[in-house]
All heavy atoms as atom14 arrays in JSON, in Angstrom:
{
  "sequence": "RHEKVPFSLAITTQILESSSRKYLEDVVEWG",
  "atom14_mask": [
    [1, 1, 1, 1, 1, 1, 1, 1, 1, 1, 1, 0, 0, 0],
    [1, 1, 1, 1, 1, 1, 1, 1, 1, 1, 0, 0, 0, 0],
    [1, 1, 1, 1, 1, 1, 1, 1, 1, 0, 0, 0, 0, 0],
    [1, 1, 1, 1, 1, 1, 1, 1, 1, 0, 0, 0, 0, 0],
    [1, 1, 1, 1, 1, 1, 1, 0, 0, 0, 0, 0, 0, 0],
    [1, 1, 1, 1, 1, 1, 1, 0, 0, 0, 0, 0, 0, 0],
    [1, 1, 1, 1, 1, 1, 1, 1, 1, 1, 1, 0, 0, 0],
    [1, 1, 1, 1, 1, 1, 0, 0, 0, 0, 0, 0, 0, 0],
    [1, 1, 1, 1, 1, 1, 1, 1, 0, 0, 0, 0, 0, 0],
    [1, 1, 1, 1, 1, 0, 0, 0, 0, 0, 0, 0, 0, 0],
    [1, 1, 1, 1, 1, 1, 1, 1, 0, 0, 0, 0, 0, 0],
    [1, 1, 1, 1, 1, 1, 1, 0, 0, 0, 0, 0, 0, 0],
    [1, 1, 1, 1, 1, 1, 1, 0, 0, 0, 0, 0, 0, 0],
    [1, 1, 1, 1, 1, 1, 1, 1, 1, 0, 0, 0, 0, 0],
    [1, 1, 1, 1, 1, 1, 1, 1, 0, 0, 0, 0, 0, 0],
    [1, 1, 1, 1, 1, 1, 1, 1, 0, 0, 0, 0, 0, 0],
    [1, 1, 1, 1, 1, 1, 1, 1, 1, 0, 0, 0, 0, 0],
    [1, 1, 1, 1, 1, 1, 0, 0, 0, 0, 0, 0, 0, 0],
    [1, 1, 1, 1, 1, 1, 0, 0, 0, 0, 0, 0, 0, 0],
    [1, 1, 1, 1, 1, 1, 0, 0, 0, 0, 0, 0, 0, 0],
    [1, 1, 1, 1, 1, 1, 1, 1, 1, 1, 1, 0, 0, 0],
    [1, 1, 1, 1, 1, 1, 1, 1, 1, 0, 0, 0, 0, 0],
    [1, 1, 1, 1, 1, 1, 1, 1, 1, 1, 1, 1, 0, 0],
    [1, 1, 1, 1, 1, 1, 1, 1, 0, 0, 0, 0, 0, 0],
    [1, 1, 1, 1, 1, 1, 1, 1, 1, 0, 0, 0, 0, 0],
    [1, 1, 1, 1, 1, 1, 1, 1, 0, 0, 0, 0, 0, 0],
    [1, 1, 1, 1, 1, 1, 1, 0, 0, 0, 0, 0, 0, 0],
    [1, 1, 1, 1, 1, 1, 1, 0, 0, 0, 0, 0, 0, 0],
    [1, 1, 1, 1, 1, 1, 1, 1, 1, 0, 0, 0, 0, 0],
    [1, 1, 1, 1, 1, 1, 1, 1, 1, 1, 1, 1, 1, 1],
    [1, 1, 1, 1, 0, 0, 0, 0, 0, 0, 0, 0, 0, 0]
  ],
  "atom14_positions": [
    [[28.23, 72.3, -140.01], [27.65, 71.49, -138.94], [28.41, 71.67, -137.64], [27.8, 71.81, -136.57], [27.64, 70.01, -139.35], [27.07, 69.1, -138.27], [26.53, 67.81, -138.82], [27.49, 67.0, -139.55], [27.2, 65.81, -140.08], [25.98, 65.3, -139.96], [28.11, 65.13, -140.75], [0.0, 0.0, 0.0], [0.0, 0.0, 0.0], [0.0, 0.0, 0.0]],
    [[29.73, 71.74, -137.73], [30.54, 71.95, -136.53], [30.24, 73.31, -135.91], [30.19, 73.45, -134.68], [32.03, 71.85, -136.89], [32.94, 72.06, -135.72], [33.47, 73.31, -135.39], [33.41, 71.2, -134.77], [34.22, 73.21, -134.32], [34.22, 71.93, -133.92], [0.0, 0.0, 0.0], [0.0, 0.0, 0.0], [0.0, 0.0, 0.0], [0.0, 0.0, 0.0]],
    [[30.0, 74.33, -136.74], [29.71, 75.67, -136.26], [28.25, 75.85, -135.84], [27.87, 76.91, -135.35], [30.06, 76.7, -137.34], [31.54, 76.81, -137.66], [32.34, 77.33, -136.48], [31.87, 78.3, -135.84], [33.42, 76.77, -136.21], [0.0, 0.0, 0.0], [0.0, 0.0, 0.0], [0.0, 0.0, 0.0], [0.0, 0.0, 0.0], [0.0, 0.0, 0.0]],
    [[27.44, 74.82, -136.08], [26.01, 74.86, -135.76], [25.3, 76.0, -136.51], [24.44, 76.69, -135.97], [25.77, 74.98, -134.26], [26.27, 73.78, -133.47], [26.01, 73.91, -131.98], [26.33, 72.63, -131.23], [27.72, 72.17, -131.41], [0.0, 0.0, 0.0], [0.0, 0.0, 0.0], [0.0, 0.0, 0.0], [0.0, 0.0, 0.0], [0.0, 0.0, 0.0]],
    [[25.65, 76.14, -137.77], [25.03, 77.12, -138.66], [24.3, 76.36, -139.76], [24.91, 75.53, -140.43], [26.08, 78.08, -139.27], [25.42, 79.03, -140.27], [26.78, 78.86, -138.18], [0.0, 0.0, 0.0], [0.0, 0.0, 0.0], [0.0, 0.0, 0.0], [0.0, 0.0, 0.0], [0.0, 0.0, 0.0], [0.0, 0.0, 0.0], [0.0, 0.0, 0.0]],
    [[23.0, 76.61, -139.96], [22.24, 75.88, -140.98], [22.83, 76.01, -142.37], [23.42, 77.05, -142.72], [20.85, 76.52, -140.9], [20.76, 77.06, -139.52], [22.15, 77.51, -139.18], [0.0, 0.0, 0.0], [0.0, 0.0, 0.0], [0.0, 0.0, 0.0], [0.0, 0.0, 0.0], [0.0, 0.0, 0.0], [0.0, 0.0, 0.0], [0.0, 0.0, 0.0]],
    [[22.62, 74.98, -143.15], [23.28, 74.82, -144.45], [22.22, 74.35, -145.44], [21.43, 73.45, -145.14], [24.37, 73.76, -144.28], [25.2, 73.44, -145.48], [26.37, 74.15, -145.73], [24.85, 72.42, -146.34], [27.17, 73.82, -146.8], [25.65, 72.09, -147.42], [26.82, 72.8, -147.66], [0.0, 0.0, 0.0], [0.0, 0.0, 0.0], [0.0, 0.0, 0.0]],
    [[22.17, 74.95, -146.61], [21.16, 74.58, -147.61], [21.81, 74.29, -148.95], [22.85, 74.88, -149.28], [20.13, 75.7, -147.77], [19.43, 75.94, -146.57], [0.0, 0.0, 0.0], [0.0, 0.0, 0.0], [0.0, 0.0, 0.0], [0.0, 0.0, 0.0], [0.0, 0.0, 0.0], [0.0, 0.0, 0.0], [0.0, 0.0, 0.0], [0.0, 0.0, 0.0]],
    [[21.18, 73.41, -149.7], [21.66, 73.07, -151.04], [20.53, 73.3, -152.04], [19.4, 72.89, -151.82], [22.08, 71.6, -151.12], [23.25, 71.14, -150.24], [23.42, 69.63, -150.36], [24.53, 71.86, -150.62], [0.0, 0.0, 0.0], [0.0, 0.0, 0.0], [0.0, 0.0, 0.0], [0.0, 0.0, 0.0], [0.0, 0.0, 0.0], [0.0, 0.0, 0.0]],
    [[20.85, 73.99, -153.14], [19.93, 74.11, -154.27], [20.44, 73.17, -155.35], [21.58, 73.3, -155.82], [19.89, 75.54, -154.78], [0.0, 0.0, 0.0], [0.0, 0.0, 0.0], [0.0, 0.0, 0.0], [0.0, 0.0, 0.0], [0.0, 0.0, 0.0], [0.0, 0.0, 0.0], [0.0, 0.0, 0.0], [0.0, 0.0, 0.0], [0.0, 0.0, 0.0]],
    [[19.62, 72.19, -155.73], [20.07, 71.05, -156.53], [19.59, 71.14, -157.97], [18.4, 71.28, -158.24], [19.55, 69.73, -155.92], [20.03, 69.59, -154.46], [19.99, 68.54, -156.75], [21.52, 69.53, -154.33], [0.0, 0.0, 0.0], [0.0, 0.0, 0.0], [0.0, 0.0, 0.0], [0.0, 0.0, 0.0], [0.0, 0.0, 0.0], [0.0, 0.0, 0.0]],
    [[20.54, 71.04, -158.91], [20.22, 70.8, -160.31], [20.15, 69.29, -160.48], [21.17, 68.61, -160.35], [21.29, 71.41, -161.23], [21.4, 72.8, -160.96], [20.94, 71.2, -162.69], [0.0, 0.0, 0.0], [0.0, 0.0, 0.0], [0.0, 0.0, 0.0], [0.0, 0.0, 0.0], [0.0, 0.0, 0.0], [0.0, 0.0, 0.0], [0.0, 0.0, 0.0]],
    [[18.97, 68.77, -160.74], [18.76, 67.32, -160.57], [19.44, 66.46, -161.62], [19.63, 65.27, -161.4], [17.26, 67.0, -160.54], [16.63, 67.53, -161.71], [16.61, 67.6, -159.3], [0.0, 0.0, 0.0], [0.0, 0.0, 0.0], [0.0, 0.0, 0.0], [0.0, 0.0, 0.0], [0.0, 0.0, 0.0], [0.0, 0.0, 0.0], [0.0, 0.0, 0.0]],
    [[19.86, 67.01, -162.76], [20.52, 66.18, -163.76], [21.89, 65.69, -163.29], [22.44, 64.74, -163.86], [20.67, 66.95, -165.07], [21.68, 68.08, -165.02], [21.97, 68.68, -166.39], [21.42, 68.22, -167.39], [22.8, 69.71, -166.45], [0.0, 0.0, 0.0], [0.0, 0.0, 0.0], [0.0, 0.0, 0.0], [0.0, 0.0, 0.0], [0.0, 0.0, 0.0]],
    [[22.45, 66.33, -162.26], [23.76, 65.9, -161.78], [23.65, 65.04, -160.52], [24.67, 64.7, -159.92], [24.68, 67.11, -161.51], [24.12, 68.01, -160.4], [24.89, 67.93, -162.78], [25.07, 69.12, -159.97], [0.0, 0.0, 0.0], [0.0, 0.0, 0.0], [0.0, 0.0, 0.0], [0.0, 0.0, 0.0], [0.0, 0.0, 0.0], [0.0, 0.0, 0.0]],
    [[22.45, 64.69, -160.12], [22.29, 63.81, -158.96], [22.89, 62.44, -159.25], [22.64, 61.83, -160.3], [20.81, 63.64, -158.62], [20.19, 64.66, -157.67], [18.68, 64.45, -157.6], [20.79, 64.55, -156.29], [0.0, 0.0, 0.0], [0.0, 0.0, 0.0], [0.0, 0.0, 0.0], [0.0, 0.0, 0.0], [0.0, 0.0, 0.0], [0.0, 0.0, 0.0]],
    [[23.68, 61.95, -158.3], [24.23, 60.61, -158.38], [23.66, 59.77, -157.24], [23.12, 60.31, -156.27], [25.76, 60.66, -158.3], [26.39, 61.51, -159.39], [27.89, 61.66, -159.19], [28.42, 61.08, -158.22], [28.52, 62.37, -160.0], [0.0, 0.0, 0.0], [0.0, 0.0, 0.0], [0.0, 0.0, 0.0], [0.0, 0.0, 0.0], [0.0, 0.0, 0.0]],
    [[23.78, 58.48, -157.36], [23.22, 57.6, -156.32], [23.83, 57.91, -154.96], [23.16, 57.87, -153.93], [23.44, 56.14, -156.69], [24.84, 55.87, -156.87], [0.0, 0.0, 0.0], [0.0, 0.0, 0.0], [0.0, 0.0, 0.0], [0.0, 0.0, 0.0], [0.0, 0.0, 0.0], [0.0, 0.0, 0.0], [0.0, 0.0, 0.0], [0.0, 0.0, 0.0]],
    [[25.12, 58.28, -154.95], [25.78, 58.57, -153.67], [25.27, 59.88, -153.06], [25.44, 60.11, -151.86], [27.3, 58.66, -153.89], [27.61, 59.67, -154.83], [0.0, 0.0, 0.0], [0.0, 0.0, 0.0], [0.0, 0.0, 0.0], [0.0, 0.0, 0.0], [0.0, 0.0, 0.0], [0.0, 0.0, 0.0], [0.0, 0.0, 0.0], [0.0, 0.0, 0.0]],
    [[24.67, 60.73, -153.88], [24.19, 62.02, -153.38], [23.0, 61.86, -152.45], [22.75, 62.73, -151.61], [23.81, 62.94, -154.54], [24.9, 63.16, -155.4], [0.0, 0.0, 0.0], [0.0, 0.0, 0.0], [0.0, 0.0, 0.0], [0.0, 0.0, 0.0], [0.0, 0.0, 0.0], [0.0, 0.0, 0.0], [0.0, 0.0, 0.0], [0.0, 0.0, 0.0]],
    [[22.26, 60.79, -152.6], [21.02, 60.63, -151.83], [21.28, 60.62, -150.34], [20.6, 61.29, -149.56], [20.29, 59.36, -152.26], [19.78, 59.43, -153.7], [19.19, 58.11, -154.18], [18.68, 58.27, -155.52], [17.39, 58.39, -155.84], [16.49, 58.35, -154.88], [17.01, 58.53, -157.09], [0.0, 0.0, 0.0], [0.0, 0.0, 0.0], [0.0, 0.0, 0.0]],
    [[22.27, 59.84, -149.91], [22.58, 59.78, -148.48], [23.05, 61.15, -147.98], [22.69, 61.57, -146.87], [23.67, 58.74, -148.24], [24.11, 58.63, -146.77], [22.96, 58.16, -145.88], [23.44, 57.78, -144.48], [24.0, 58.92, -143.75], [0.0, 0.0, 0.0], [0.0, 0.0, 0.0], [0.0, 0.0, 0.0], [0.0, 0.0, 0.0], [0.0, 0.0, 0.0]],
    [[23.82, 61.84, -148.78], [24.32, 63.16, -148.39], [23.15, 64.14, -148.21], [23.08, 64.86, -147.22], [25.3, 63.65, -149.45], [25.82, 65.05, -149.22], [26.15, 65.51, -147.94], [26.01, 65.92, -150.29], [26.64, 66.79, -147.74], [26.51, 67.2, -150.1], [26.82, 67.63, -148.82], [27.3, 68.9, -148.63], [0.0, 0.0, 0.0], [0.0, 0.0, 0.0]],
    [[22.21, 64.15, -149.13], [21.06, 65.05, -149.02], [20.24, 64.72, -147.77], [19.76, 65.63, -147.08], [20.17, 64.96, -150.26], [20.81, 65.32, -151.6], [19.75, 65.36, -152.7], [21.54, 66.65, -151.53], [0.0, 0.0, 0.0], [0.0, 0.0, 0.0], [0.0, 0.0, 0.0], [0.0, 0.0, 0.0], [0.0, 0.0, 0.0], [0.0, 0.0, 0.0]],
    [[20.1, 63.45, -147.48], [19.37, 63.05, -146.27], [20.1, 63.54, -145.02], [19.47, 63.99, -144.06], [19.22, 61.53, -146.24], [18.24, 61.01, -147.3], [18.26, 59.49, -147.39], [19.18, 58.86, -146.8], [17.37, 58.92, -148.05], [0.0, 0.0, 0.0], [0.0, 0.0, 0.0], [0.0, 0.0, 0.0], [0.0, 0.0, 0.0], [0.0, 0.0, 0.0]],
    [[21.44, 63.46, -145.03], [22.22, 63.94, -143.89], [22.02, 65.44, -143.69], [21.89, 65.92, -142.54], [23.71, 63.66, -144.11], [24.06, 62.19, -143.95], [23.21, 61.43, -143.43], [25.16, 61.8, -144.37], [0.0, 0.0, 0.0], [0.0, 0.0, 0.0], [0.0, 0.0, 0.0], [0.0, 0.0, 0.0], [0.0, 0.0, 0.0], [0.0, 0.0, 0.0]],
    [[22.0, 66.21, -144.78], [21.82, 67.66, -144.69], [20.48, 67.98, -144.05], [20.39, 68.81, -143.13], [21.94, 68.31, -146.08], [21.49, 69.77, -146.03], [23.38, 68.22, -146.6], [0.0, 0.0, 0.0], [0.0, 0.0, 0.0], [0.0, 0.0, 0.0], [0.0, 0.0, 0.0], [0.0, 0.0, 0.0], [0.0, 0.0, 0.0], [0.0, 0.0, 0.0]],
    [[19.42, 67.31, -144.5], [18.08, 67.58, -143.96], [17.97, 67.1, -142.52], [17.41, 67.79, -141.66], [17.01, 66.92, -144.85], [15.63, 67.01, -144.19], [16.98, 67.59, -146.22], [0.0, 0.0, 0.0], [0.0, 0.0, 0.0], [0.0, 0.0, 0.0], [0.0, 0.0, 0.0], [0.0, 0.0, 0.0], [0.0, 0.0, 0.0], [0.0, 0.0, 0.0]],
    [[18.51, 65.91, -142.23], [18.43, 65.36, -140.88], [19.13, 66.27, -139.88], [18.68, 66.44, -138.74], [19.05, 63.96, -140.84], [18.97, 63.29, -139.48], [19.57, 61.9, -139.48], [19.9, 61.39, -140.56], [19.72, 61.32, -138.38], [0.0, 0.0, 0.0], [0.0, 0.0, 0.0], [0.0, 0.0, 0.0], [0.0, 0.0, 0.0], [0.0, 0.0, 0.0]],
    [[20.24, 66.89, -140.3], [20.98, 67.76, -139.39], [20.26, 69.09, -139.17], [20.45, 69.74, -138.16], [22.38, 68.01, -139.95], [23.12, 69.03, -139.16], [23.65, 68.88, -137.91], [23.35, 70.39, -139.52], [24.22, 70.05, -137.48], [24.05, 71.0, -138.46], [23.06, 71.14, -140.65], [24.45, 72.33, -138.49], [23.46, 72.46, -140.68], [24.14, 73.04, -139.61]],
    [[19.39, 69.49, -140.07], [18.67, 70.76, -139.91], [18.83, 71.7, -141.08], [18.44, 72.87, -141.0], [0.0, 0.0, 0.0], [0.0, 0.0, 0.0], [0.0, 0.0, 0.0], [0.0, 0.0, 0.0], [0.0, 0.0, 0.0], [0.0, 0.0, 0.0], [0.0, 0.0, 0.0], [0.0, 0.0, 0.0], [0.0, 0.0, 0.0], [0.0, 0.0, 0.0]]
  ]
}
């Protein structure tokens, strides 16, 4: 984010935790 280079995550959903939701939203909101 500091370097202004897009970042993507490929998610295996069995390891999703409740705290991950906000993080995923941040990734998408940033671009």
